């Protein structure tokens, strides 16, 4: 699922960009550090996935879920559009990773049941 690896890579770049945006817009060093670190971690997981798919996909899912957990409550309380974008993209990435997991498990079960 090469498209899933590309999605995680784009998500990592997006997180870095949003960290830079937070630093420029609100002079928030915390946003710059958190966005850069989480984005670099996501890019790292995207690069690890071809060699170790389980580690890469689980790690990327955990980071996306953590970002969703951080920004979803702020969106619920009437947050800013940039926070909504982070929460929405995190939800999409997590849902795609979860869907990819179920798709791969379904294919593996079908392959195992067709073998004698």
N, C-alpha and C. Protein backbone atom coordinates (compact mmCIF):
# COMPACT_ATOMS: atom_id res chain seq x y z
N UNK A 1 0.84 -1.18 0.00
CA UNK A 1 0.00 0.00 0.00
C UNK A 1 0.88 1.24 0.00
N UNK A 2 1.44 1.48 -1.15
CA UNK A 2 2.35 2.61 -1.31
C UNK A 2 1.64 3.95 -1.05
N UNK A 3 0.38 4.05 -1.41
CA UNK A 3 -0.35 5.30 -1.21
C UNK A 3 -0.45 5.65 0.28
N UNK A 4 -0.51 4.64 1.12
CA UNK A 4 -0.61 4.86 2.56
C UNK A 4 0.71 5.42 3.10
N UNK A 5 1.83 4.90 2.58
CA UNK A 5 3.13 5.44 2.96
C UNK A 5 3.27 6.90 2.53
N UNK A 6 2.79 7.20 1.33
CA UNK A 6 2.83 8.58 0.84
C UNK A 6 1.94 9.50 1.67
N UNK A 7 0.80 8.99 2.10
CA UNK A 7 -0.10 9.78 2.95
C UNK A 7 0.58 10.13 4.27
N UNK A 8 1.25 9.18 4.88
CA UNK A 8 1.95 9.43 6.14
C UNK A 8 3.09 10.43 5.92
N UNK A 9 3.78 10.33 4.79
CA UNK A 9 4.85 11.27 4.48
C UNK A 9 4.30 12.69 4.32
N UNK A 10 3.21 12.84 3.60
CA UNK A 10 2.57 14.15 3.42
C UNK A 10 2.07 14.67 4.77
N UNK A 11 1.55 13.80 5.59
CA UNK A 11 1.07 14.19 6.92
C UNK A 11 2.23 14.73 7.77
N UNK A 12 3.38 14.07 7.70
CA UNK A 12 4.55 14.56 8.43
C UNK A 12 4.98 15.94 7.97
N UNK A 13 4.99 16.14 6.66
CA UNK A 13 5.34 17.46 6.11
C UNK A 13 4.31 18.50 6.54
N UNK A 14 3.05 18.11 6.54
CA UNK A 14 1.98 19.01 6.99
C UNK A 14 2.17 19.42 8.44
N UNK A 15 2.53 18.47 9.30
CA UNK A 15 2.74 18.80 10.72
C UNK A 15 3.90 19.78 10.90
N UNK A 16 4.96 19.58 10.14
CA UNK A 16 6.09 20.52 10.21
C UNK A 16 5.65 21.90 9.74
N UNK A 17 4.90 21.95 8.64
CA UNK A 17 4.42 23.22 8.12
C UNK A 17 3.50 23.93 9.11
N UNK A 18 2.64 23.17 9.79
CA UNK A 18 1.75 23.79 10.78
C UNK A 18 2.53 24.28 12.00
N UNK A 19 3.60 23.58 12.36
CA UNK A 19 4.46 24.07 13.44
C UNK A 19 5.12 25.39 13.07
N UNK A 20 5.57 25.49 11.83
CA UNK A 20 6.16 26.75 11.36
C UNK A 20 5.10 27.85 11.32
N UNK A 21 3.91 27.50 10.86
CA UNK A 21 2.81 28.46 10.83
C UNK A 21 2.48 28.98 12.23
N UNK A 22 2.44 28.07 13.22
CA UNK A 22 2.18 28.47 14.60
C UNK A 22 3.26 29.38 15.15
N UNK A 23 4.49 29.12 14.74
CA UNK A 23 5.60 29.97 15.20
C UNK A 23 5.52 31.35 14.56
N UNK A 24 5.23 31.41 13.27
CA UNK A 24 5.15 32.70 12.58
C UNK A 24 3.92 33.48 13.02
N UNK A 25 2.78 32.79 13.12
CA UNK A 25 1.53 33.47 13.43
C UNK A 25 1.39 33.91 14.88
N UNK A 26 1.81 33.06 15.80
CA UNK A 26 1.60 33.34 17.22
C UNK A 26 2.90 33.45 18.01
N UNK A 27 4.03 33.39 17.31
CA UNK A 27 5.34 33.43 17.96
C UNK A 27 5.45 32.35 19.03
N UNK A 28 4.93 31.20 18.71
CA UNK A 28 4.91 30.08 19.65
C UNK A 28 6.05 29.12 19.34
N UNK A 29 7.06 29.13 20.20
CA UNK A 29 8.18 28.23 20.03
C UNK A 29 7.73 26.79 20.29
N UNK A 30 6.77 26.62 21.18
CA UNK A 30 6.24 25.28 21.47
C UNK A 30 5.61 24.67 20.22
N UNK A 31 4.88 25.48 19.45
CA UNK A 31 4.28 24.97 18.21
C UNK A 31 5.35 24.54 17.22
N UNK A 32 6.40 25.33 17.12
CA UNK A 32 7.48 25.00 16.21
C UNK A 32 8.16 23.69 16.60
N UNK A 33 8.46 23.55 17.88
CA UNK A 33 9.13 22.34 18.35
C UNK A 33 8.21 21.12 18.23
N UNK A 34 6.98 21.24 18.72
CA UNK A 34 6.05 20.11 18.69
C UNK A 34 5.71 19.70 17.26
N UNK A 35 5.45 20.67 16.39
CA UNK A 35 5.14 20.36 15.00
C UNK A 35 6.31 19.72 14.28
N UNK A 36 7.51 20.25 14.53
CA UNK A 36 8.69 19.70 13.87
C UNK A 36 9.00 18.30 14.36
N UNK A 37 8.94 18.10 15.66
CA UNK A 37 9.25 16.77 16.21
C UNK A 37 8.23 15.74 15.76
N UNK A 38 6.95 16.07 15.85
CA UNK A 38 5.93 15.10 15.44
C UNK A 38 5.99 14.85 13.93
N UNK A 39 6.27 15.88 13.16
CA UNK A 39 6.39 15.70 11.71
C UNK A 39 7.59 14.85 11.33
N UNK A 40 8.72 15.08 11.99
CA UNK A 40 9.91 14.28 11.71
C UNK A 40 9.69 12.83 12.12
N UNK A 41 9.00 12.62 13.23
CA UNK A 41 8.70 11.25 13.65
C UNK A 41 7.80 10.56 12.61
N UNK A 42 6.79 11.26 12.11
CA UNK A 42 5.92 10.68 11.09
C UNK A 42 6.69 10.38 9.81
N UNK A 43 7.55 11.27 9.40
CA UNK A 43 8.37 11.02 8.21
C UNK A 43 9.27 9.81 8.45
N UNK A 44 9.82 9.72 9.64
CA UNK A 44 10.64 8.56 9.99
C UNK A 44 9.86 7.26 9.90
N UNK A 45 8.65 7.26 10.41
CA UNK A 45 7.82 6.06 10.32
C UNK A 45 7.47 5.74 8.87
N UNK A 46 7.24 6.77 8.05
CA UNK A 46 6.96 6.53 6.63
C UNK A 46 8.16 5.90 5.94
N UNK A 47 9.36 6.30 6.33
CA UNK A 47 10.57 5.74 5.71
C UNK A 47 10.90 4.35 6.23
N UNK A 48 10.47 4.04 7.46
CA UNK A 48 10.72 2.71 8.05
C UNK A 48 9.73 1.67 7.51
N UNK A 49 8.56 2.10 7.10
CA UNK A 49 7.49 1.18 6.71
C UNK A 49 7.87 0.17 5.63
N UNK A 50 8.62 0.53 4.57
CA UNK A 50 8.97 -0.50 3.59
C UNK A 50 9.78 -1.66 4.16
N UNK A 51 10.62 -1.39 5.14
CA UNK A 51 11.44 -2.45 5.74
C UNK A 51 10.72 -3.18 6.87
N UNK A 52 9.94 -2.45 7.64
CA UNK A 52 9.23 -3.03 8.78
C UNK A 52 7.81 -2.42 8.82
N UNK A 53 6.88 -2.97 8.04
CA UNK A 53 5.56 -2.37 7.93
C UNK A 53 4.81 -2.26 9.26
N UNK A 54 4.95 -3.27 10.10
CA UNK A 54 4.22 -3.24 11.37
C UNK A 54 4.68 -2.06 12.23
N UNK A 55 5.98 -1.88 12.39
CA UNK A 55 6.51 -0.78 13.20
C UNK A 55 6.10 0.57 12.61
N UNK A 56 6.27 0.71 11.30
CA UNK A 56 5.95 1.99 10.66
C UNK A 56 4.49 2.37 10.77
N UNK A 57 3.62 1.42 10.51
CA UNK A 57 2.19 1.74 10.51
C UNK A 57 1.65 1.93 11.92
N UNK A 58 2.09 1.10 12.86
CA UNK A 58 1.62 1.27 14.24
C UNK A 58 2.14 2.57 14.81
N UNK A 59 3.40 2.87 14.57
CA UNK A 59 3.97 4.13 15.06
C UNK A 59 3.27 5.34 14.48
N UNK A 60 3.02 5.32 13.17
CA UNK A 60 2.32 6.43 12.53
C UNK A 60 0.90 6.56 13.07
N UNK A 61 0.25 5.43 13.35
CA UNK A 61 -1.10 5.47 13.91
C UNK A 61 -1.12 6.08 15.31
N UNK A 62 -0.13 5.72 16.11
CA UNK A 62 -0.06 6.25 17.48
C UNK A 62 0.15 7.76 17.45
N UNK A 63 1.05 8.24 16.60
CA UNK A 63 1.29 9.68 16.52
C UNK A 63 0.04 10.40 16.03
N UNK A 64 -0.63 9.86 15.02
CA UNK A 64 -1.85 10.49 14.51
C UNK A 64 -2.94 10.51 15.58
N UNK A 65 -3.04 9.44 16.34
CA UNK A 65 -4.04 9.38 17.41
C UNK A 65 -3.71 10.36 18.53
N UNK A 66 -2.43 10.51 18.85
CA UNK A 66 -2.01 11.50 19.85
C UNK A 66 -2.33 12.92 19.39
N UNK A 67 -2.06 13.20 18.12
CA UNK A 67 -2.36 14.54 17.60
C UNK A 67 -3.87 14.78 17.59
N UNK A 68 -4.62 13.76 17.23
CA UNK A 68 -6.08 13.89 17.26
C UNK A 68 -6.56 14.13 18.68
N UNK A 69 -6.01 13.40 19.64
CA UNK A 69 -6.39 13.58 21.04
C UNK A 69 -6.04 14.96 21.57
N UNK A 70 -4.97 15.54 21.05
CA UNK A 70 -4.57 16.88 21.49
C UNK A 70 -5.47 17.96 20.91
N UNK A 71 -5.82 17.83 19.61
CA UNK A 71 -6.51 18.93 18.94
C UNK A 71 -8.02 18.76 18.83
N UNK A 72 -8.56 17.57 18.97
CA UNK A 72 -10.01 17.39 18.87
C UNK A 72 -10.78 18.14 19.97
N UNK A 73 -10.33 18.11 21.24
CA UNK A 73 -11.08 18.88 22.25
C UNK A 73 -11.07 20.38 21.99
N UNK A 74 -9.98 20.89 21.43
CA UNK A 74 -9.92 22.32 21.12
C UNK A 74 -10.87 22.68 19.98
N UNK A 75 -11.02 21.78 19.02
CA UNK A 75 -11.95 22.00 17.92
C UNK A 75 -13.37 21.96 18.44
N UNK A 76 -13.65 21.03 19.34
CA UNK A 76 -15.00 20.89 19.91
C UNK A 76 -15.41 22.15 20.65
N UNK A 77 -14.46 22.84 21.25
CA UNK A 77 -14.79 24.05 22.00
C UNK A 77 -14.71 25.30 21.12
N UNK A 78 -14.81 25.13 19.81
CA UNK A 78 -14.83 26.29 18.90
C UNK A 78 -13.45 26.79 18.56
N UNK A 79 -12.56 25.89 18.22
CA UNK A 79 -11.19 26.23 17.94
C UNK A 79 -11.00 26.96 16.62
N UNK A 80 -9.74 27.30 16.36
CA UNK A 80 -9.38 28.02 15.15
C UNK A 80 -9.29 27.05 13.96
N UNK A 81 -9.40 27.58 12.75
CA UNK A 81 -9.37 26.72 11.56
C UNK A 81 -8.08 25.91 11.41
N UNK A 82 -6.95 26.46 11.84
CA UNK A 82 -5.70 25.71 11.70
C UNK A 82 -5.71 24.49 12.62
N UNK A 83 -6.28 24.62 13.79
CA UNK A 83 -6.40 23.48 14.70
C UNK A 83 -7.39 22.45 14.16
N UNK A 84 -8.45 22.95 13.51
CA UNK A 84 -9.41 22.04 12.89
C UNK A 84 -8.74 21.25 11.76
N UNK A 85 -7.87 21.90 11.01
CA UNK A 85 -7.18 21.23 9.92
C UNK A 85 -6.28 20.11 10.45
N UNK A 86 -5.57 20.39 11.54
CA UNK A 86 -4.70 19.37 12.13
C UNK A 86 -5.53 18.19 12.63
N UNK A 87 -6.63 18.49 13.32
CA UNK A 87 -7.49 17.42 13.85
C UNK A 87 -8.11 16.61 12.71
N UNK A 88 -8.57 17.28 11.67
CA UNK A 88 -9.20 16.58 10.55
C UNK A 88 -8.20 15.70 9.81
N UNK A 89 -7.01 16.23 9.54
CA UNK A 89 -6.00 15.45 8.83
C UNK A 89 -5.54 14.28 9.68
N UNK A 90 -5.42 14.49 10.99
CA UNK A 90 -5.05 13.40 11.89
C UNK A 90 -6.10 12.30 11.88
N UNK A 91 -7.36 12.68 11.87
CA UNK A 91 -8.45 11.70 11.81
C UNK A 91 -8.42 10.93 10.50
N UNK A 92 -8.19 11.63 9.40
CA UNK A 92 -8.13 10.97 8.09
C UNK A 92 -6.97 9.98 8.04
N UNK A 93 -5.80 10.39 8.52
CA UNK A 93 -4.63 9.51 8.50
C UNK A 93 -4.87 8.29 9.39
N UNK A 94 -5.40 8.50 10.59
CA UNK A 94 -5.66 7.37 11.47
C UNK A 94 -6.69 6.42 10.86
N UNK A 95 -7.76 6.98 10.27
CA UNK A 95 -8.79 6.14 9.66
C UNK A 95 -8.23 5.35 8.48
N UNK A 96 -7.38 5.97 7.68
CA UNK A 96 -6.78 5.26 6.54
C UNK A 96 -5.84 4.16 7.01
N UNK A 97 -5.05 4.44 8.05
CA UNK A 97 -4.15 3.41 8.58
C UNK A 97 -4.95 2.25 9.18
N UNK A 98 -6.02 2.56 9.88
CA UNK A 98 -6.86 1.51 10.45
C UNK A 98 -7.55 0.71 9.35
N UNK A 99 -8.07 1.40 8.35
CA UNK A 99 -8.69 0.71 7.23
C UNK A 99 -7.70 -0.15 6.46
N UNK A 100 -6.46 0.36 6.30
CA UNK A 100 -5.42 -0.42 5.65
C UNK A 100 -5.08 -1.68 6.42
N UNK A 101 -5.11 -1.58 7.73
CA UNK A 101 -4.85 -2.75 8.57
C UNK A 101 -5.92 -3.82 8.35
N UNK A 102 -7.18 -3.41 8.40
CA UNK A 102 -8.26 -4.38 8.21
C UNK A 102 -8.26 -4.96 6.79
N UNK A 103 -7.93 -4.15 5.81
CA UNK A 103 -7.84 -4.64 4.44
C UNK A 103 -6.74 -5.68 4.30
N UNK A 104 -5.58 -5.41 4.88
CA UNK A 104 -4.46 -6.36 4.81
C UNK A 104 -4.79 -7.66 5.56
N UNK A 105 -5.43 -7.56 6.70
CA UNK A 105 -5.80 -8.77 7.45
C UNK A 105 -6.83 -9.59 6.67
N UNK A 106 -7.77 -8.93 6.04
CA UNK A 106 -8.77 -9.63 5.25
C UNK A 106 -8.13 -10.36 4.06
N UNK A 107 -7.19 -9.71 3.41
CA UNK A 107 -6.48 -10.35 2.29
C UNK A 107 -5.66 -11.53 2.76
N UNK A 108 -5.01 -11.39 3.92
CA UNK A 108 -4.19 -12.49 4.44
C UNK A 108 -5.08 -13.69 4.80
N UNK A 109 -6.22 -13.44 5.43
CA UNK A 109 -7.13 -14.54 5.77
C UNK A 109 -7.66 -15.23 4.51
N UNK A 110 -7.98 -14.44 3.50
CA UNK A 110 -8.47 -15.03 2.25
C UNK A 110 -7.39 -15.87 1.58
N UNK A 111 -6.16 -15.41 1.63
CA UNK A 111 -5.05 -16.16 1.03
C UNK A 111 -4.80 -17.46 1.81
N UNK A 112 -4.86 -17.39 3.14
CA UNK A 112 -4.63 -18.57 3.96
C UNK A 112 -5.75 -19.60 3.79
N UNK A 113 -6.98 -19.13 3.63
CA UNK A 113 -8.10 -20.08 3.49
C UNK A 113 -8.11 -20.73 2.12
N UNK A 114 -7.51 -20.10 1.11
CA UNK A 114 -7.48 -20.71 -0.22
C UNK A 114 -6.37 -21.74 -0.38
N UNK A 115 -5.41 -21.73 0.53
CA UNK A 115 -4.33 -22.72 0.48
C UNK A 115 -4.77 -23.99 1.19
N UNK A 116 -4.34 -25.18 0.66
CA UNK A 116 -4.78 -26.45 1.28
C UNK A 116 -4.12 -26.70 2.60
